[in-house]
């Protein structure tokens, strides 16, 4: 385990990171100690009257310890239509979550992240930050109530980001942002779970410069280790770069293997 913790930060140093990726949607609240691995792969291909290619890969590792949890995510997406790229983006994220002494509902978080996205002109974004995570239902006895299948998390903190854009004027940006989120996880049945996450991230020196992210996720268990996931993602940037549109909406369908 110690070797793993030394290797992962080294990998992150050579990669990119991003604040706008809604990593809270990947958070896995589990009581099982040790490692958990998930891998999702999407592939679509057509050739003839239409020439399309789509690749989506998401790999994730969770480690749950007695007082500290770790999360590593790597995701890449590529799409082309008639030999022209329509999507080319990816990110990598590392997070550590520390339980505080004598606290069941309050945790501390630290994270580092990278992203690139060719179609919003983002060459790279590096960030590092941290904050507090609140579990308001941790101290409530829900054993005899339907809400036992509901989990809620509130988080707030700060991060520093360094961005490089493919534009001639002001290509490099340094920003400190305040990041807050609300996450709701509901499992009405053993084979079905729903996750709703809202993020708001204003720049602390210019609150009109903010990002808002909404993610809706539904996961259905098909077999013992195979899941079918539907994800809706909406992103709003109050100040887009290079004349790009401020809003992006995306819906993904993927199969995921848990092992």
C-alpha atoms as a PDB file:
ATOM      1  CA  UNK A   1       0.000   0.000   0.000  1.00  0.00           C
ATOM      2  CA  UNK A   2       2.838   2.403   0.841  1.00  0.00           C
ATOM      3  CA  UNK A   3       4.380   1.805  -2.590  1.00  0.00           C
ATOM      4  CA  UNK A   4       1.047   2.565  -4.264  1.00  0.00           C
ATOM      5  CA  UNK A   5       0.719   5.873  -2.412  1.00  0.00           C
ATOM      6  CA  UNK A   6       4.201   6.873  -3.569  1.00  0.00           C
ATOM      7  CA  UNK A   7       3.646   5.895  -7.206  1.00  0.00           C
ATOM      8  CA  UNK A   8       0.244   7.574  -7.763  1.00  0.00           C
ATOM      9  CA  UNK A   9       1.324  11.163  -6.923  1.00  0.00           C
ATOM     10  CA  UNK A  10       4.263  10.681  -9.286  1.00  0.00           C
ATOM     11  CA  UNK A  11       1.898   9.713 -12.088  1.00  0.00           C
ATOM     12  CA  UNK A  12      -0.300  12.720 -11.390  1.00  0.00           C
ATOM     13  CA  UNK A  13       2.685  15.047 -11.582  1.00  0.00           C
ATOM     14  CA  UNK A  14       3.171  14.196 -15.260  1.00  0.00           C
ATOM     15  CA  UNK A  15      -0.531  14.419 -16.134  1.00  0.00           C
ATOM     16  CA  UNK A  16      -3.195  17.101 -16.367  1.00  0.00           C
ATOM     17  CA  UNK A  17      -6.073  18.075 -14.058  1.00  0.00           C
ATOM     18  CA  UNK A  18      -9.412  19.863 -14.083  1.00  0.00           C
ATOM     19  CA  UNK A  19     -11.783  21.505 -11.656  1.00  0.00           C
ATOM     20  CA  UNK A  20     -14.878  21.239 -13.772  1.00  0.00           C
ATOM     21  CA  UNK A  21     -15.028  17.448 -13.827  1.00  0.00           C
ATOM     22  CA  UNK A  22     -17.746  16.469 -11.381  1.00  0.00           C
ATOM     23  CA  UNK A  23     -15.771  13.823  -9.483  1.00  0.00           C
ATOM     24  CA  UNK A  24     -18.263  13.685  -6.643  1.00  0.00           C
ATOM     25  CA  UNK A  25     -20.474  11.559  -8.890  1.00  0.00           C
ATOM     26  CA  UNK A  26     -17.796   8.866  -8.624  1.00  0.00           C
ATOM     27  CA  UNK A  27     -17.738   8.833  -4.835  1.00  0.00           C
ATOM     28  CA  UNK A  28     -18.411   5.348  -3.511  1.00  0.00           C
ATOM     29  CA  UNK A  29     -19.823   5.129   0.003  1.00  0.00           C
ATOM     30  CA  UNK A  30     -18.989   1.560   0.997  1.00  0.00           C
ATOM     31  CA  UNK A  31     -18.389  -0.229   4.282  1.00  0.00           C
ATOM     32  CA  UNK A  32     -16.185  -2.863   2.664  1.00  0.00           C
ATOM     33  CA  UNK A  33     -12.481  -2.468   3.538  1.00  0.00           C
ATOM     34  CA  UNK A  34      -9.712  -2.869   0.946  1.00  0.00           C
ATOM     35  CA  UNK A  35      -9.545  -2.275  -2.803  1.00  0.00           C
ATOM     36  CA  UNK A  36     -12.476  -2.003  -5.224  1.00  0.00           C
ATOM     37  CA  UNK A  37     -11.906  -1.778  -8.994  1.00  0.00           C
ATOM     38  CA  UNK A  38     -14.359  -0.542 -11.653  1.00  0.00           C
ATOM     39  CA  UNK A  39     -13.867  -0.303 -15.415  1.00  0.00           C
ATOM     40  CA  UNK A  40     -16.291   1.072 -18.017  1.00  0.00           C
ATOM     41  CA  UNK A  41     -15.662   0.822 -21.761  1.00  0.00           C
ATOM     42  CA  UNK A  42     -17.869   2.201 -24.511  1.00  0.00           C
ATOM     43  CA  UNK A  43     -17.223   1.603 -28.233  1.00  0.00           C
ATOM     44  CA  UNK A  44     -19.296   2.556 -31.279  1.00  0.00           C
ATOM     45  CA  UNK A  45     -18.143   2.189 -34.900  1.00  0.00           C
ATOM     46  CA  UNK A  46     -19.777   2.559 -38.311  1.00  0.00           C
ATOM     47  CA  UNK A  47     -18.347   2.555 -41.830  1.00  0.00           C
ATOM     48  CA  UNK A  48     -20.125   3.031 -45.168  1.00  0.00           C
ATOM     49  CA  UNK A  49     -22.603   5.838 -45.819  1.00  0.00           C
ATOM     50  CA  UNK A  50     -21.578   7.220 -42.410  1.00  0.00           C
ATOM     51  CA  UNK A  51     -18.101   6.941 -40.852  1.00  0.00           C
ATOM     52  CA  UNK A  52     -18.320   7.292 -37.074  1.00  0.00           C
ATOM     53  CA  UNK A  53     -16.040   6.264 -34.221  1.00  0.00           C
ATOM     54  CA  UNK A  54     -16.618   6.679 -30.482  1.00  0.00           C
ATOM     55  CA  UNK A  55     -14.413   5.484 -27.610  1.00  0.00           C
ATOM     56  CA  UNK A  56     -15.134   6.039 -23.909  1.00  0.00           C
ATOM     57  CA  UNK A  57     -12.924   4.558 -21.184  1.00  0.00           C
ATOM     58  CA  UNK A  58     -13.277   5.036 -17.420  1.00  0.00           C
ATOM     59  CA  UNK A  59     -11.061   3.265 -14.889  1.00  0.00           C
ATOM     60  CA  UNK A  60     -11.405   3.704 -11.147  1.00  0.00           C
ATOM     61  CA  UNK A  61      -9.722   2.356  -8.024  1.00  0.00           C
ATOM     62  CA  UNK A  62     -11.092   2.796  -4.491  1.00  0.00           C
ATOM     63  CA  UNK A  63      -9.208   1.933  -1.328  1.00  0.00           C
ATOM     64  CA  UNK A  64     -11.104   2.009   1.960  1.00  0.00           C
ATOM     65  CA  UNK A  65      -9.017   2.022   5.145  1.00  0.00           C
ATOM     66  CA  UNK A  66      -9.866   2.229   8.820  1.00  0.00           C
ATOM     67  CA  UNK A  67      -9.599   6.036   8.964  1.00  0.00           C
ATOM     68  CA  UNK A  68      -8.668   7.138   5.424  1.00  0.00           C
ATOM     69  CA  UNK A  69     -10.051   6.390   1.948  1.00  0.00           C
ATOM     70  CA  UNK A  70      -8.443   6.908  -1.480  1.00  0.00           C
ATOM     71  CA  UNK A  71      -9.965   7.332  -4.928  1.00  0.00           C
ATOM     72  CA  UNK A  72      -8.192   7.312  -8.305  1.00  0.00           C
ATOM     73  CA  UNK A  73     -10.100   7.950 -11.571  1.00  0.00           C
ATOM     74  CA  UNK A  74      -8.836   7.966 -15.162  1.00  0.00           C
ATOM     75  CA  UNK A  75     -11.268   8.816 -17.982  1.00  0.00           C
ATOM     76  CA  UNK A  76     -10.853   9.424 -21.722  1.00  0.00           C
ATOM     77  CA  UNK A  77     -13.368  10.141 -24.486  1.00  0.00           C
ATOM     78  CA  UNK A  78     -12.806  10.377 -28.240  1.00  0.00           C
ATOM     79  CA  UNK A  79     -15.394  10.829 -31.011  1.00  0.00           C
ATOM     80  CA  UNK A  80     -15.063  11.384 -34.748  1.00  0.00           C
ATOM     81  CA  UNK A  81     -17.606  11.786 -37.551  1.00  0.00           C
ATOM     82  CA  UNK A  82     -16.707  11.657 -41.230  1.00  0.00           C
ATOM     83  CA  UNK A  83     -12.972  11.822 -40.332  1.00  0.00           C
ATOM     84  CA  UNK A  84     -13.466  14.988 -38.243  1.00  0.00           C
ATOM     85  CA  UNK A  85     -13.011  14.966 -34.473  1.00  0.00           C
ATOM     86  CA  UNK A  86     -16.130  15.898 -32.513  1.00  0.00           C
ATOM     87  CA  UNK A  87     -14.804  15.137 -29.019  1.00  0.00           C
ATOM     88  CA  UNK A  88     -11.357  14.624 -27.512  1.00  0.00           C
ATOM     89  CA  UNK A  89     -11.065  15.009 -23.745  1.00  0.00           C
ATOM     90  CA  UNK A  90      -9.837  13.244 -20.636  1.00  0.00           C
ATOM     91  CA  UNK A  91      -8.974  13.653 -16.983  1.00  0.00           C
ATOM     92  CA  UNK A  92      -7.287  11.993 -14.030  1.00  0.00           C
ATOM     93  CA  UNK A  93      -8.223  12.579 -10.391  1.00  0.00           C
ATOM     94  CA  UNK A  94      -6.744  11.515  -7.052  1.00  0.00           C
ATOM     95  CA  UNK A  95      -8.544  12.140  -3.769  1.00  0.00           C
ATOM     96  CA  UNK A  96      -7.867  11.262  -0.127  1.00  0.00           C
ATOM     97  CA  UNK A  97     -10.682  11.370   2.454  1.00  0.00           C
ATOM     98  CA  UNK A  98      -9.705  11.472   6.134  1.00  0.00           C
ATOM     99  CA  UNK A  99     -12.070  10.664   8.985  1.00  0.00           C
ATOM    100  CA  UNK A 100     -11.753  13.125  11.855  1.00  0.00           C
ATOM    101  CA  UNK A 101     -11.370  11.931  15.474  1.00  0.00           C
ATOM    102  CA  UNK A 102     -14.659  11.413  17.344  1.00  0.00           C
ATOM    103  CA  UNK A 103     -16.667  12.539  14.304  1.00  0.00           C
ATOM    104  CA  UNK A 104     -19.138  10.403  12.353  1.00  0.00           C
ATOM    105  CA  UNK A 105     -20.473  13.127  10.083  1.00  0.00           C
ATOM    106  CA  UNK A 106     -17.441  15.308   9.264  1.00  0.00           C
ATOM    107  CA  UNK A 107     -14.507  14.347   7.009  1.00  0.00           C
ATOM    108  CA  UNK A 108     -11.525  16.186   5.487  1.00  0.00           C
ATOM    109  CA  UNK A 109     -10.620  15.898   1.787  1.00  0.00           C
ATOM    110  CA  UNK A 110      -7.516  16.642  -0.293  1.00  0.00           C
ATOM    111  CA  UNK A 111      -7.271  16.176  -4.063  1.00  0.00           C
ATOM    112  CA  UNK A 112      -5.226  16.751  -7.207  1.00  0.00           C
ATOM    113  CA  UNK A 113      -6.546  16.641 -10.748  1.00  0.00           C
ATOM    114  CA  UNK A 114      -5.846  17.108 -14.487  1.00  0.00           C
ATOM    115  CA  UNK A 115      -7.970  17.605 -17.597  1.00  0.00           C
ATOM    116  CA  UNK A 116      -7.726  18.481 -21.259  1.00  0.00           C
ATOM    117  CA  UNK A 117     -10.593  19.214 -23.651  1.00  0.00           C
ATOM    118  CA  UNK A 118      -9.815  20.091 -27.247  1.00  0.00           C
ATOM    119  CA  UNK A 119     -13.307  21.411 -28.021  1.00  0.00           C
ATOM    120  CA  UNK A 120     -13.353  24.106 -25.349  1.00  0.00           C
ATOM    121  CA  UNK A 121      -9.746  24.991 -26.358  1.00  0.00           C
ATOM    122  CA  UNK A 122      -8.387  23.714 -23.031  1.00  0.00           C
ATOM    123  CA  UNK A 123      -4.872  22.322 -23.501  1.00  0.00           C
ATOM    124  CA  UNK A 124      -4.448  21.493 -19.810  1.00  0.00           C
ATOM    125  CA  UNK A 125      -5.752  22.309 -16.372  1.00  0.00           C
ATOM    126  CA  UNK A 126      -3.831  21.417 -13.215  1.00  0.00           C
ATOM    127  CA  UNK A 127      -5.322  21.838  -9.753  1.00  0.00           C
ATOM    128  CA  UNK A 128      -4.814  20.985  -6.095  1.00  0.00           C
ATOM    129  CA  UNK A 129      -7.095  21.696  -3.166  1.00  0.00           C
ATOM    130  CA  UNK A 130      -9.021  20.429  -0.196  1.00  0.00           C
ATOM    131  CA  UNK A 131     -11.916  21.029   2.143  1.00  0.00           C
ATOM    132  CA  UNK A 132     -14.507  19.479   4.430  1.00  0.00           C
ATOM    133  CA  UNK A 133     -17.170  16.881   3.668  1.00  0.00           C
ATOM    134  CA  UNK A 134     -20.330  16.658   5.778  1.00  0.00           C
ATOM    135  CA  UNK A 135     -22.581  13.606   6.129  1.00  0.00           C
ATOM    136  CA  UNK A 136     -25.717  15.098   7.740  1.00  0.00           C
ATOM    137  CA  UNK A 137     -27.508  11.724   8.017  1.00  0.00           C
ATOM    138  CA  UNK A 138     -24.658   9.948   9.826  1.00  0.00           C
ATOM    139  CA  UNK A 139     -26.048  10.663  13.304  1.00  0.00           C
ATOM    140  CA  UNK A 140     -29.701   9.908  12.411  1.00  0.00           C
ATOM    141  CA  UNK A 141     -31.133   6.461  13.120  1.00  0.00           C
ATOM    142  CA  UNK A 142     -32.831   5.441   9.875  1.00  0.00           C
ATOM    143  CA  UNK A 143     -32.942   1.682  10.524  1.00  0.00           C
ATOM    144  CA  UNK A 144     -36.745   1.642  10.692  1.00  0.00           C
ATOM    145  CA  UNK A 145     -37.378   4.339   8.120  1.00  0.00           C
ATOM    146  CA  UNK A 146     -37.412   4.328   4.279  1.00  0.00           C
ATOM    147  CA  UNK A 147     -34.683   7.000   4.355  1.00  0.00           C
ATOM    148  CA  UNK A 148     -32.164   4.289   5.269  1.00  0.00           C
ATOM    149  CA  UNK A 149     -31.625   3.928   1.494  1.00  0.00           C
ATOM    150  CA  UNK A 150     -30.801   7.626   1.148  1.00  0.00           C
ATOM    151  CA  UNK A 151     -27.356   9.181   1.583  1.00  0.00           C
ATOM    152  CA  UNK A 152     -26.620  12.917   1.469  1.00  0.00           C
ATOM    153  CA  UNK A 153     -23.281  14.717   1.395  1.00  0.00           C
ATOM    154  CA  UNK A 154     -22.348  18.400   1.562  1.00  0.00           C
ATOM    155  CA  UNK A 155     -18.854  19.618   0.740  1.00  0.00           C
ATOM    156  CA  UNK A 156     -16.995  22.906   0.659  1.00  0.00           C
ATOM    157  CA  UNK A 157     -13.372  23.935   0.172  1.00  0.00           C
ATOM    158  CA  UNK A 158     -10.864  25.792  -1.980  1.00  0.00           C
ATOM    159  CA  UNK A 159      -8.499  24.875  -4.802  1.00  0.00           C
ATOM    160  CA  UNK A 160      -5.855  26.502  -6.971  1.00  0.00           C
ATOM    161  CA  UNK A 161      -5.950  25.886 -10.733  1.00  0.00           C
ATOM    162  CA  UNK A 162      -3.512  26.593 -13.562  1.00  0.00           C
ATOM    163  CA  UNK A 163      -5.069  26.568 -17.054  1.00  0.00           C
ATOM    164  CA  UNK A 164      -3.546  26.695 -20.535  1.00  0.00           C
ATOM    165  CA  UNK A 165      -5.824  27.488 -23.509  1.00  0.00           C
ATOM    166  CA  UNK A 166      -5.233  27.325 -27.270  1.00  0.00           C
ATOM    167  CA  UNK A 167      -5.838  31.045 -27.793  1.00  0.00           C
ATOM    168  CA  UNK A 168      -3.520  33.903 -28.699  1.00  0.00           C
ATOM    169  CA  UNK A 169      -4.635  36.368 -26.023  1.00  0.00           C
ATOM    170  CA  UNK A 170      -4.252  35.447 -22.336  1.00  0.00           C
ATOM    171  CA  UNK A 171      -3.630  31.698 -22.887  1.00  0.00           C
ATOM    172  CA  UNK A 172      -2.578  31.036 -19.258  1.00  0.00           C
ATOM    173  CA  UNK A 173      -4.887  31.591 -16.277  1.00  0.00           C
ATOM    174  CA  UNK A 174      -4.232  31.288 -12.530  1.00  0.00           C
ATOM    175  CA  UNK A 175      -7.323  31.095 -10.330  1.00  0.00           C
ATOM    176  CA  UNK A 176      -8.266  30.248  -6.749  1.00  0.00           C
ATOM    177  CA  UNK A 177     -11.832  28.932  -6.562  1.00  0.00           C
ATOM    178  CA  UNK A 178     -14.307  28.191  -3.819  1.00  0.00           C
ATOM    179  CA  UNK A 179     -15.921  24.816  -4.530  1.00  0.00           C
ATOM    180  CA  UNK A 180     -19.176  23.609  -2.928  1.00  0.00           C
ATOM    181  CA  UNK A 181     -21.359  20.619  -3.739  1.00  0.00           C
ATOM    182  CA  UNK A 182     -24.486  18.723  -2.727  1.00  0.00           C
ATOM    183  CA  UNK A 183     -24.707  14.994  -3.450  1.00  0.00           C
ATOM    184  CA  UNK A 184     -27.746  12.729  -2.992  1.00  0.00           C
ATOM    185  CA  UNK A 185     -27.508   8.943  -3.406  1.00  0.00           C
ATOM    186  CA  UNK A 186     -30.709   6.894  -3.343  1.00  0.00           C
ATOM    187  CA  UNK A 187     -30.990   3.122  -3.700  1.00  0.00           C
ATOM    188  CA  UNK A 188     -34.708   2.194  -3.890  1.00  0.00           C
ATOM    189  CA  UNK A 189     -33.801  -1.444  -4.686  1.00  0.00           C
ATOM    190  CA  UNK A 190     -30.746  -3.676  -4.438  1.00  0.00           C
ATOM    191  CA  UNK A 191     -30.156  -3.588  -8.189  1.00  0.00           C
ATOM    192  CA  UNK A 192     -30.841   0.141  -8.727  1.00  0.00           C
ATOM    193  CA  UNK A 193     -29.163   3.337  -7.515  1.00  0.00           C
ATOM    194  CA  UNK A 194     -29.626   7.028  -8.353  1.00  0.00           C
ATOM    195  CA  UNK A 195     -27.103   9.827  -7.811  1.00  0.00           C
ATOM    196  CA  UNK A 196     -27.710  13.585  -8.137  1.00  0.00           C
ATOM    197  CA  UNK A 197     -24.773  15.984  -7.749  1.00  0.00           C
ATOM    198  CA  UNK A 198     -24.641  19.797  -7.948  1.00  0.00           C
ATOM    199  CA  UNK A 199     -21.358  21.760  -8.019  1.00  0.00           C
ATOM    200  CA  UNK A 200     -20.807  25.535  -7.895  1.00  0.00           C
ATOM    201  CA  UNK A 201     -17.243  26.913  -8.259  1.00  0.00           C
ATOM    202  CA  UNK A 202     -16.814  30.731  -8.268  1.00  0.00           C
ATOM    203  CA  UNK A 203     -13.437  32.484  -8.419  1.00  0.00           C
ATOM    204  CA  UNK A 204     -12.866  34.058  -4.999  1.00  0.00           C
ATOM    205  CA  UNK A 205     -11.645  37.370  -6.473  1.00  0.00           C
ATOM    206  CA  UNK A 206     -14.403  37.551  -9.115  1.00  0.00           C
ATOM    207  CA  UNK A 207     -17.663  35.802  -8.163  1.00  0.00           C
ATOM    208  CA  UNK A 208     -19.166  36.475 -11.595  1.00  0.00           C
ATOM    209  CA  UNK A 209     -16.571  34.028 -12.949  1.00  0.00           C
ATOM    210  CA  UNK A 210     -18.109  30.710 -11.928  1.00  0.00           C
ATOM    211  CA  UNK A 211     -18.821  27.182 -13.142  1.00  0.00           C
ATOM    212  CA  UNK A 212     -21.922  25.158 -12.386  1.00  0.00           C
ATOM    213  CA  UNK A 213     -22.174  21.404 -12.940  1.00  0.00           C
ATOM    214  CA  UNK A 214     -25.142  19.055 -12.618  1.00  0.00           C
ATOM    215  CA  UNK A 215     -24.900  15.272 -12.897  1.00  0.00           C
ATOM    216  CA  UNK A 216     -27.755  12.757 -12.875  1.00  0.00           C
ATOM    217  CA  UNK A 217     -26.690   9.106 -12.766  1.00  0.00           C
ATOM    218  CA  UNK A 218     -28.668   5.866 -12.755  1.00  0.00           C
ATOM    219  CA  UNK A 219     -26.950   2.508 -12.289  1.00  0.00           C
ATOM    220  CA  UNK A 220     -28.694  -0.849 -12.824  1.00  0.00           C
ATOM    221  CA  UNK A 221     -27.230  -4.209 -11.817  1.00  0.00           C
ATOM    222  CA  UNK A 222     -27.511  -6.697 -14.723  1.00  0.00           C
ATOM    223  CA  UNK A 223     -25.509  -9.604 -13.317  1.00  0.00           C
ATOM    224  CA  UNK A 224     -23.327 -10.121 -10.256  1.00  0.00           C
ATOM    225  CA  UNK A 225     -20.567  -7.792 -11.522  1.00  0.00           C
ATOM    226  CA  UNK A 226     -21.999  -6.134 -14.646  1.00  0.00           C
ATOM    227  CA  UNK A 227     -23.811  -2.778 -14.458  1.00  0.00           C
ATOM    228  CA  UNK A 228     -25.618  -0.608 -16.993  1.00  0.00           C
ATOM    229  CA  UNK A 229     -25.152   3.144 -16.324  1.00  0.00           C
ATOM    230  CA  UNK A 230     -26.991   6.165 -17.717  1.00  0.00           C
ATOM    231  CA  UNK A 231     -25.454   9.576 -17.043  1.00  0.00           C
ATOM    232  CA  UNK A 232     -26.732  13.062 -17.837  1.00  0.00           C
ATOM    233  CA  UNK A 233     -24.210  15.888 -17.455  1.00  0.00           C
ATOM    234  CA  UNK A 234     -24.822  19.639 -17.729  1.00  0.00           C
ATOM    235  CA  UNK A 235     -22.019  22.226 -17.442  1.00  0.00           C
ATOM    236  CA  UNK A 236     -22.355  26.030 -17.458  1.00  0.00           C
ATOM    237  CA  UNK A 237     -19.355  28.383 -17.689  1.00  0.00           C
ATOM    238  CA  UNK A 238     -20.184  32.028 -16.971  1.00  0.00           C
ATOM    239  CA  UNK A 239     -17.084  33.196 -18.886  1.00  0.00           C
ATOM    240  CA  UNK A 240     -16.283  30.775 -21.759  1.00  0.00           C
ATOM    241  CA  UNK A 241     -12.968  31.102 -23.597  1.00  0.00           C
ATOM    242  CA  UNK A 242     -12.400  31.691 -27.319  1.00  0.00           C
ATOM    243  CA  UNK A 243     -16.017  32.414 -28.242  1.00  0.00           C
ATOM    244  CA  UNK A 244     -17.224  28.958 -27.196  1.00  0.00           C
ATOM    245  CA  UNK A 245     -20.805  28.428 -25.965  1.00  0.00           C
ATOM    246  CA  UNK A 246     -21.276  28.639 -22.174  1.00  0.00           C
ATOM    247  CA  UNK A 247     -23.346  25.443 -21.859  1.00  0.00           C
ATOM    248  CA  UNK A 248     -22.700  21.768 -22.582  1.00  0.00           C
ATOM    249  CA  UNK A 249     -25.236  18.929 -22.209  1.00  0.00           C
ATOM    250  CA  UNK A 250     -24.261  15.286 -22.615  1.00  0.00           C
ATOM    251  CA  UNK A 251     -25.947  11.902 -22.109  1.00  0.00           C
ATOM    252  CA  UNK A 252     -23.886   8.699 -21.874  1.00  0.00           C
ATOM    253  CA  UNK A 253     -24.827   5.013 -21.801  1.00  0.00           C
ATOM    254  CA  UNK A 254     -22.117   2.584 -20.642  1.00  0.00           C
ATOM    255  CA  UNK A 255     -21.579  -0.919 -19.313  1.00  0.00           C
ATOM    256  CA  UNK A 256     -19.409  -1.189 -16.198  1.00  0.00           C
ATOM    257  CA  UNK A 257     -17.615  -4.171 -14.641  1.00  0.00           C
ATOM    258  CA  UNK A 258     -16.938  -4.197 -10.895  1.00  0.00           C
ATOM    259  CA  UNK A 259     -14.263  -6.561  -9.603  1.00  0.00           C
END
